[in-house]
């Protein structure tokens, strides 16, 4: 049984690698679609910073990311052609990164997280033209966002 599970894991791993979604280079497939539609996958990252210009300069120089203004107060970062993260300025908060995990049903997932001991920091809410998200603190104190994207 263990050998069958291991073999299945390797098969799935190599399918993903060969499709280009887990590589050190820019993906050759629509990995963004997979990130935004697959339950339990890290799909987005968001930076809250006290100085957006310094952040853009730093990440551009460090990783070669390309920043662009999506909305007046929101910047997205691209790695090659794929949007991978967003950033916004908040001078009142200590800077931090917030990872978003894609879920099939935001309400059920938030409810289940709470049943499992998480604290709901931001209850499920709408992000216009994006979907619905919530921010939770797991029982050990780590903070993550969960999100159900609008199907396009």
N, C-alpha and C. Protein backbone atom coordinates (compact mmCIF):
# COMPACT_ATOMS: atom_id res chain seq x y z
N UNK A 1 0.82 -1.19 0.00
CA UNK A 1 0.00 0.00 0.00
C UNK A 1 0.87 1.26 0.00
N UNK A 2 1.91 1.28 0.87
CA UNK A 2 2.79 2.45 0.94
C UNK A 2 3.49 2.66 -0.40
N UNK A 3 3.89 1.55 -1.04
CA UNK A 3 4.58 1.66 -2.32
C UNK A 3 3.65 2.26 -3.38
N UNK A 4 2.38 1.87 -3.37
CA UNK A 4 1.42 2.40 -4.34
C UNK A 4 1.20 3.89 -4.13
N UNK A 5 1.09 4.32 -2.88
CA UNK A 5 0.91 5.74 -2.58
C UNK A 5 2.15 6.51 -3.00
N UNK A 6 3.33 5.97 -2.70
CA UNK A 6 4.58 6.61 -3.09
C UNK A 6 4.67 6.74 -4.61
N UNK A 7 4.31 5.68 -5.33
CA UNK A 7 4.35 5.69 -6.79
C UNK A 7 3.38 6.73 -7.34
N UNK A 8 2.17 6.79 -6.77
CA UNK A 8 1.19 7.78 -7.20
C UNK A 8 1.70 9.19 -6.95
N UNK A 9 2.31 9.41 -5.79
CA UNK A 9 2.87 10.72 -5.46
C UNK A 9 3.93 11.11 -6.50
N UNK A 10 4.84 10.20 -6.80
CA UNK A 10 5.89 10.49 -7.78
C UNK A 10 5.30 10.79 -9.16
N UNK A 11 4.29 10.02 -9.54
CA UNK A 11 3.65 10.23 -10.83
C UNK A 11 3.04 11.63 -10.90
N UNK A 12 2.29 11.99 -9.88
CA UNK A 12 1.68 13.33 -9.84
C UNK A 12 2.73 14.42 -9.82
N UNK A 13 3.80 14.21 -9.04
CA UNK A 13 4.88 15.19 -8.96
C UNK A 13 5.49 15.43 -10.33
N UNK A 14 5.80 14.36 -11.05
CA UNK A 14 6.43 14.52 -12.36
C UNK A 14 5.47 15.08 -13.40
N UNK A 15 4.18 14.78 -13.28
CA UNK A 15 3.21 15.40 -14.18
C UNK A 15 3.22 16.91 -13.99
N UNK A 16 3.24 17.34 -12.74
CA UNK A 16 3.28 18.77 -12.44
C UNK A 16 4.57 19.38 -12.96
N UNK A 17 5.69 18.74 -12.69
CA UNK A 17 6.99 19.25 -13.16
C UNK A 17 7.00 19.35 -14.68
N UNK A 18 6.57 18.31 -15.35
CA UNK A 18 6.60 18.31 -16.81
C UNK A 18 5.64 19.32 -17.41
N UNK A 19 4.58 19.66 -16.69
CA UNK A 19 3.65 20.69 -17.17
C UNK A 19 4.15 22.09 -16.87
N UNK A 20 5.23 22.22 -16.13
CA UNK A 20 5.85 23.51 -15.95
C UNK A 20 5.35 24.33 -14.78
N UNK A 21 4.55 23.77 -13.89
CA UNK A 21 4.00 24.57 -12.79
C UNK A 21 4.91 24.63 -11.58
N UNK A 22 5.86 23.75 -11.49
CA UNK A 22 6.81 23.81 -10.38
C UNK A 22 8.20 23.74 -10.99
N UNK A 23 8.68 24.89 -11.40
CA UNK A 23 9.99 24.94 -12.02
C UNK A 23 10.72 26.17 -11.54
N UNK A 24 11.98 26.23 -11.83
CA UNK A 24 12.77 27.40 -11.45
C UNK A 24 12.69 28.47 -12.53
N UNK A 25 12.02 28.16 -13.62
CA UNK A 25 11.87 29.13 -14.71
C UNK A 25 10.40 29.49 -14.86
N UNK A 26 10.13 30.46 -15.69
CA UNK A 26 8.74 30.88 -15.92
C UNK A 26 7.93 29.71 -16.45
N UNK A 27 6.73 29.50 -15.94
CA UNK A 27 5.91 28.37 -16.39
C UNK A 27 5.50 28.51 -17.85
N UNK A 28 5.39 27.37 -18.50
CA UNK A 28 4.97 27.34 -19.89
C UNK A 28 3.48 27.04 -20.03
N UNK A 29 2.81 26.82 -18.90
CA UNK A 29 1.37 26.53 -18.91
C UNK A 29 0.67 27.58 -18.06
N UNK A 30 -0.63 27.49 -18.00
CA UNK A 30 -1.41 28.46 -17.23
C UNK A 30 -1.46 28.03 -15.77
N UNK A 31 -0.32 28.18 -15.09
CA UNK A 31 -0.25 27.79 -13.68
C UNK A 31 -1.10 28.68 -12.80
N UNK A 32 -1.27 29.92 -13.21
CA UNK A 32 -2.10 30.84 -12.43
C UNK A 32 -3.51 30.28 -12.31
N UNK A 33 -4.00 29.73 -13.39
CA UNK A 33 -5.35 29.15 -13.37
C UNK A 33 -5.41 28.02 -12.34
N UNK A 34 -4.39 27.19 -12.29
CA UNK A 34 -4.36 26.11 -11.30
C UNK A 34 -4.30 26.66 -9.88
N UNK A 35 -3.51 27.72 -9.67
CA UNK A 35 -3.38 28.30 -8.33
C UNK A 35 -4.69 28.90 -7.85
N UNK A 36 -5.48 29.44 -8.77
CA UNK A 36 -6.70 30.13 -8.39
C UNK A 36 -7.93 29.22 -8.40
N UNK A 37 -7.77 27.96 -8.81
CA UNK A 37 -8.91 27.05 -8.87
C UNK A 37 -8.74 25.78 -8.05
N UNK A 38 -7.56 25.54 -7.51
CA UNK A 38 -7.29 24.29 -6.81
C UNK A 38 -7.39 24.48 -5.30
N UNK A 39 -8.29 23.75 -4.68
CA UNK A 39 -8.49 23.84 -3.24
C UNK A 39 -7.22 23.48 -2.48
N UNK A 40 -6.85 24.33 -1.52
CA UNK A 40 -5.72 24.04 -0.65
C UNK A 40 -4.37 24.49 -1.18
N UNK A 41 -4.34 25.23 -2.28
CA UNK A 41 -3.09 25.65 -2.89
C UNK A 41 -2.82 27.12 -2.55
N UNK A 42 -1.55 27.44 -2.27
CA UNK A 42 -1.17 28.83 -2.10
C UNK A 42 -1.32 29.50 -3.46
N UNK A 43 -2.24 30.45 -3.56
CA UNK A 43 -2.53 31.06 -4.84
C UNK A 43 -2.05 32.49 -5.00
N UNK A 44 -1.85 33.19 -3.91
CA UNK A 44 -1.50 34.61 -3.99
C UNK A 44 -0.75 35.00 -2.74
N UNK A 45 0.02 36.04 -2.83
CA UNK A 45 0.73 36.60 -1.67
C UNK A 45 0.53 38.10 -1.70
N UNK A 46 0.39 38.66 -0.52
CA UNK A 46 0.16 40.10 -0.46
C UNK A 46 1.08 40.72 0.57
N UNK A 47 1.70 41.81 0.17
CA UNK A 47 2.61 42.54 1.05
C UNK A 47 1.90 43.79 1.56
N UNK A 48 1.92 43.96 2.86
CA UNK A 48 1.48 45.20 3.48
C UNK A 48 2.77 45.89 3.93
N UNK A 49 3.00 47.11 3.47
CA UNK A 49 4.26 47.78 3.73
C UNK A 49 4.04 49.24 4.12
N UNK A 50 4.98 49.80 4.81
CA UNK A 50 4.89 51.21 5.19
C UNK A 50 5.44 52.13 4.10
N UNK A 51 6.14 51.54 3.11
CA UNK A 51 6.72 52.36 2.03
C UNK A 51 6.69 51.56 0.73
N UNK A 52 5.66 51.77 -0.05
CA UNK A 52 5.47 50.99 -1.28
C UNK A 52 6.61 51.22 -2.28
N UNK A 53 7.13 52.42 -2.36
CA UNK A 53 8.20 52.69 -3.31
C UNK A 53 9.47 51.93 -2.95
N UNK A 54 9.81 51.89 -1.67
CA UNK A 54 10.99 51.11 -1.24
C UNK A 54 10.77 49.63 -1.49
N UNK A 55 9.55 49.16 -1.24
CA UNK A 55 9.25 47.74 -1.46
C UNK A 55 9.37 47.39 -2.94
N UNK A 56 8.82 48.24 -3.81
CA UNK A 56 8.92 47.98 -5.25
C UNK A 56 10.38 47.95 -5.68
N UNK A 57 11.16 48.88 -5.21
CA UNK A 57 12.58 48.94 -5.55
C UNK A 57 13.31 47.69 -5.07
N UNK A 58 13.06 47.28 -3.84
CA UNK A 58 13.73 46.12 -3.26
C UNK A 58 13.41 44.83 -4.03
N UNK A 59 12.12 44.54 -4.23
CA UNK A 59 11.74 43.27 -4.87
C UNK A 59 12.07 43.25 -6.36
N UNK A 60 12.07 44.41 -6.98
CA UNK A 60 12.48 44.48 -8.38
C UNK A 60 13.96 44.13 -8.51
N UNK A 61 14.76 44.71 -7.63
CA UNK A 61 16.22 44.44 -7.67
C UNK A 61 16.56 43.04 -7.20
N UNK A 62 15.85 42.54 -6.19
CA UNK A 62 16.16 41.23 -5.62
C UNK A 62 15.75 40.08 -6.54
N UNK A 63 14.51 40.12 -7.05
CA UNK A 63 13.96 39.00 -7.82
C UNK A 63 13.71 39.31 -9.28
N UNK A 64 13.85 40.57 -9.68
CA UNK A 64 13.54 40.93 -11.05
C UNK A 64 12.05 41.05 -11.31
N UNK A 65 11.25 41.16 -10.25
CA UNK A 65 9.81 41.32 -10.41
C UNK A 65 9.50 42.64 -11.08
N UNK A 66 8.40 42.68 -11.82
CA UNK A 66 7.94 43.90 -12.47
C UNK A 66 6.71 44.42 -11.75
N UNK A 67 6.80 45.58 -11.11
CA UNK A 67 5.63 46.14 -10.44
C UNK A 67 4.76 46.92 -11.42
N UNK A 68 3.47 46.89 -11.18
CA UNK A 68 2.55 47.73 -11.95
C UNK A 68 1.39 48.13 -11.06
N UNK A 69 0.87 49.31 -11.29
CA UNK A 69 -0.24 49.81 -10.50
C UNK A 69 -1.52 49.18 -11.04
N UNK A 70 -2.21 48.43 -10.17
CA UNK A 70 -3.47 47.81 -10.58
C UNK A 70 -4.63 48.76 -10.27
N UNK A 71 -4.59 49.30 -9.11
CA UNK A 71 -5.56 50.31 -8.68
C UNK A 71 -4.74 51.42 -8.04
N UNK A 72 -5.38 52.50 -7.72
CA UNK A 72 -4.65 53.65 -7.20
C UNK A 72 -3.75 53.29 -6.02
N UNK A 73 -4.21 52.44 -5.13
CA UNK A 73 -3.44 52.12 -3.93
C UNK A 73 -2.96 50.67 -3.90
N UNK A 74 -2.99 49.99 -5.03
CA UNK A 74 -2.61 48.58 -5.06
C UNK A 74 -1.64 48.33 -6.20
N UNK A 75 -0.53 47.69 -5.89
CA UNK A 75 0.49 47.36 -6.87
C UNK A 75 0.55 45.85 -7.01
N UNK A 76 0.68 45.36 -8.22
CA UNK A 76 0.91 43.93 -8.43
C UNK A 76 2.34 43.73 -8.87
N UNK A 77 2.85 42.55 -8.60
CA UNK A 77 4.18 42.15 -9.05
C UNK A 77 4.03 40.99 -10.02
N UNK A 78 4.79 41.06 -11.11
CA UNK A 78 4.86 39.95 -12.06
C UNK A 78 6.25 39.34 -11.99
N UNK A 79 6.29 38.04 -12.12
CA UNK A 79 7.54 37.32 -12.31
C UNK A 79 7.47 36.80 -13.75
N UNK A 80 8.25 37.39 -14.61
CA UNK A 80 8.14 37.17 -16.05
C UNK A 80 6.78 37.70 -16.48
N UNK A 81 5.85 36.84 -16.92
CA UNK A 81 4.55 37.30 -17.39
C UNK A 81 3.43 37.03 -16.39
N UNK A 82 3.73 36.31 -15.34
CA UNK A 82 2.69 35.87 -14.41
C UNK A 82 2.59 36.77 -13.18
N UNK A 83 1.39 37.25 -12.89
CA UNK A 83 1.17 38.00 -11.66
C UNK A 83 1.28 37.03 -10.49
N UNK A 84 2.11 37.40 -9.51
CA UNK A 84 2.36 36.50 -8.40
C UNK A 84 2.05 37.08 -7.03
N UNK A 85 1.96 38.41 -6.94
CA UNK A 85 1.76 39.02 -5.63
C UNK A 85 1.22 40.44 -5.79
N UNK A 86 0.69 40.93 -4.70
CA UNK A 86 0.21 42.30 -4.66
C UNK A 86 0.79 43.01 -3.45
N UNK A 87 0.75 44.32 -3.47
CA UNK A 87 1.28 45.09 -2.35
C UNK A 87 0.46 46.36 -2.16
N UNK A 88 0.32 46.74 -0.90
CA UNK A 88 -0.33 48.01 -0.60
C UNK A 88 0.34 48.64 0.60
N UNK A 89 0.22 49.94 0.65
CA UNK A 89 0.88 50.71 1.70
C UNK A 89 -0.08 50.97 2.85
N UNK A 90 0.43 50.75 4.06
CA UNK A 90 -0.30 51.09 5.28
C UNK A 90 0.74 51.55 6.29
N UNK A 91 0.83 52.83 6.49
CA UNK A 91 1.86 53.40 7.35
C UNK A 91 1.62 53.12 8.84
N UNK A 92 0.44 52.60 9.18
CA UNK A 92 0.10 52.34 10.59
C UNK A 92 0.45 50.93 11.04
N UNK A 93 0.82 50.05 10.10
CA UNK A 93 1.10 48.65 10.45
C UNK A 93 2.56 48.31 10.22
N UNK A 94 3.03 47.37 11.00
CA UNK A 94 4.36 46.80 10.75
C UNK A 94 4.27 45.98 9.46
N UNK A 95 5.24 46.10 8.54
CA UNK A 95 5.17 45.36 7.28
C UNK A 95 5.10 43.84 7.49
N UNK A 96 4.34 43.18 6.62
CA UNK A 96 4.22 41.72 6.66
C UNK A 96 3.72 41.20 5.33
N UNK A 97 4.01 39.93 5.08
CA UNK A 97 3.47 39.21 3.93
C UNK A 97 2.30 38.38 4.40
N UNK A 98 1.24 38.32 3.59
CA UNK A 98 0.06 37.51 3.89
C UNK A 98 -0.19 36.55 2.73
N UNK A 99 0.01 35.25 2.96
CA UNK A 99 -0.27 34.28 1.91
C UNK A 99 -1.77 33.98 1.84
N UNK A 100 -2.27 33.76 0.63
CA UNK A 100 -3.67 33.40 0.40
C UNK A 100 -3.73 31.95 -0.08
N UNK A 101 -4.59 31.18 0.54
CA UNK A 101 -4.80 29.79 0.14
C UNK A 101 -6.17 29.69 -0.53
N UNK A 102 -6.18 29.14 -1.73
CA UNK A 102 -7.42 28.97 -2.48
C UNK A 102 -8.28 27.89 -1.83
N UNK A 103 -9.57 28.17 -1.68
CA UNK A 103 -10.51 27.18 -1.14
C UNK A 103 -11.76 27.15 -2.02
N UNK A 104 -12.42 26.01 -2.03
CA UNK A 104 -13.63 25.86 -2.85
C UNK A 104 -14.81 26.63 -2.29
N UNK A 105 -14.92 26.69 -0.96
CA UNK A 105 -16.07 27.33 -0.33
C UNK A 105 -15.58 28.11 0.88
N UNK A 106 -15.54 29.42 0.76
CA UNK A 106 -14.99 30.27 1.82
C UNK A 106 -15.76 30.13 3.12
N UNK A 107 -17.09 30.07 3.05
CA UNK A 107 -17.89 29.99 4.27
C UNK A 107 -17.66 28.68 5.02
N UNK A 108 -17.70 27.57 4.30
CA UNK A 108 -17.48 26.27 4.94
C UNK A 108 -16.06 26.15 5.49
N UNK A 109 -15.09 26.67 4.74
CA UNK A 109 -13.70 26.58 5.19
C UNK A 109 -13.47 27.43 6.43
N UNK A 110 -14.02 28.64 6.46
CA UNK A 110 -13.88 29.50 7.64
C UNK A 110 -14.54 28.86 8.85
N UNK A 111 -15.71 28.28 8.64
CA UNK A 111 -16.42 27.60 9.73
C UNK A 111 -15.61 26.41 10.25
N UNK A 112 -15.08 25.62 9.34
CA UNK A 112 -14.28 24.46 9.73
C UNK A 112 -13.02 24.89 10.46
N UNK A 113 -12.37 25.96 9.98
CA UNK A 113 -11.16 26.47 10.64
C UNK A 113 -11.48 26.85 12.08
N UNK A 114 -12.60 27.51 12.27
CA UNK A 114 -12.99 27.91 13.62
C UNK A 114 -13.26 26.70 14.50
N UNK A 115 -13.92 25.69 13.96
CA UNK A 115 -14.19 24.45 14.70
C UNK A 115 -12.88 23.76 15.10
N UNK A 116 -11.85 23.93 14.28
CA UNK A 116 -10.56 23.30 14.55
C UNK A 116 -9.66 24.16 15.44
N UNK A 117 -10.18 25.28 15.93
CA UNK A 117 -9.44 26.10 16.89
C UNK A 117 -8.86 27.38 16.35
N UNK A 118 -9.12 27.70 15.08
CA UNK A 118 -8.62 28.95 14.51
C UNK A 118 -9.48 30.12 15.00
N UNK A 119 -8.89 31.29 14.97
CA UNK A 119 -9.63 32.52 15.28
C UNK A 119 -9.86 33.25 13.96
N UNK A 120 -11.10 33.66 13.74
CA UNK A 120 -11.43 34.40 12.53
C UNK A 120 -11.09 35.87 12.77
N UNK A 121 -10.07 36.37 12.09
CA UNK A 121 -9.66 37.76 12.25
C UNK A 121 -10.48 38.68 11.36
N UNK A 122 -10.76 38.22 10.13
CA UNK A 122 -11.63 38.94 9.20
C UNK A 122 -12.63 37.93 8.67
N UNK A 123 -13.91 38.08 9.02
CA UNK A 123 -14.90 37.13 8.53
C UNK A 123 -15.01 37.19 7.00
N UNK A 124 -15.56 36.15 6.38
CA UNK A 124 -15.69 36.16 4.92
C UNK A 124 -16.30 37.46 4.42
N UNK A 125 -15.60 38.07 3.46
CA UNK A 125 -16.01 39.35 2.90
C UNK A 125 -15.69 39.37 1.41
N UNK A 126 -16.34 40.27 0.70
CA UNK A 126 -16.11 40.39 -0.74
C UNK A 126 -14.92 41.28 -1.06
N UNK A 127 -14.15 40.82 -2.03
CA UNK A 127 -13.10 41.64 -2.65
C UNK A 127 -13.63 41.86 -4.07
N UNK A 128 -14.08 43.08 -4.39
CA UNK A 128 -14.72 43.32 -5.68
C UNK A 128 -13.93 42.78 -6.87
N UNK A 129 -14.63 42.09 -7.73
CA UNK A 129 -14.09 41.51 -8.97
C UNK A 129 -13.05 40.42 -8.74
N UNK A 130 -12.87 39.97 -7.50
CA UNK A 130 -11.88 38.94 -7.20
C UNK A 130 -12.54 37.70 -6.60
N UNK A 131 -13.29 37.88 -5.53
CA UNK A 131 -13.93 36.76 -4.87
C UNK A 131 -14.25 37.10 -3.44
N UNK A 132 -14.31 36.08 -2.60
CA UNK A 132 -14.57 36.29 -1.17
C UNK A 132 -13.40 35.71 -0.39
N UNK A 133 -12.99 36.41 0.65
CA UNK A 133 -11.83 35.99 1.43
C UNK A 133 -12.12 36.14 2.92
N UNK A 134 -11.29 35.50 3.70
CA UNK A 134 -11.30 35.65 5.16
C UNK A 134 -9.85 35.57 5.62
N UNK A 135 -9.57 36.14 6.78
CA UNK A 135 -8.24 36.04 7.36
C UNK A 135 -8.39 35.31 8.68
N UNK A 136 -7.57 34.29 8.87
CA UNK A 136 -7.65 33.48 10.08
C UNK A 136 -6.29 33.38 10.76
N UNK A 137 -6.36 33.10 12.05
CA UNK A 137 -5.15 32.80 12.83
C UNK A 137 -5.29 31.36 13.27
N UNK A 138 -4.35 30.51 12.87
CA UNK A 138 -4.45 29.10 13.22
C UNK A 138 -4.22 28.91 14.72
N UNK A 139 -4.49 27.72 15.26
CA UNK A 139 -4.36 27.51 16.70
C UNK A 139 -2.96 27.79 17.27
N UNK A 140 -1.93 27.78 16.41
CA UNK A 140 -0.58 28.06 16.88
C UNK A 140 -0.24 29.55 16.76
N UNK A 141 -1.12 30.34 16.12
CA UNK A 141 -0.90 31.78 16.02
C UNK A 141 -0.47 32.28 14.65
N UNK A 142 -0.28 31.39 13.67
CA UNK A 142 0.09 31.82 12.32
C UNK A 142 -1.12 32.39 11.60
N UNK A 143 -0.91 33.48 10.87
CA UNK A 143 -2.01 34.15 10.17
C UNK A 143 -1.92 33.85 8.67
N UNK A 144 -3.06 33.46 8.09
CA UNK A 144 -3.17 33.22 6.65
C UNK A 144 -4.52 33.76 6.18
N UNK A 145 -4.62 33.96 4.89
CA UNK A 145 -5.90 34.31 4.28
C UNK A 145 -6.37 33.11 3.48
N UNK A 146 -7.68 32.95 3.42
CA UNK A 146 -8.29 31.93 2.58
C UNK A 146 -9.21 32.66 1.61
N UNK A 147 -9.32 32.14 0.41
CA UNK A 147 -10.09 32.86 -0.61
C UNK A 147 -10.75 31.92 -1.61
N UNK A 148 -11.97 32.27 -1.99
CA UNK A 148 -12.66 31.61 -3.08
C UNK A 148 -12.78 32.65 -4.19
N UNK A 149 -12.14 32.36 -5.31
CA UNK A 149 -12.12 33.31 -6.42
C UNK A 149 -13.39 33.20 -7.25
N UNK A 150 -13.77 34.30 -7.89
CA UNK A 150 -14.87 34.31 -8.84
C UNK A 150 -14.44 33.47 -10.04
N UNK A 151 -15.29 32.58 -10.47
CA UNK A 151 -14.97 31.78 -11.66
C UNK A 151 -15.15 32.66 -12.89
N UNK A 152 -14.09 32.74 -13.70
CA UNK A 152 -14.14 33.59 -14.89
C UNK A 152 -14.18 32.78 -16.14
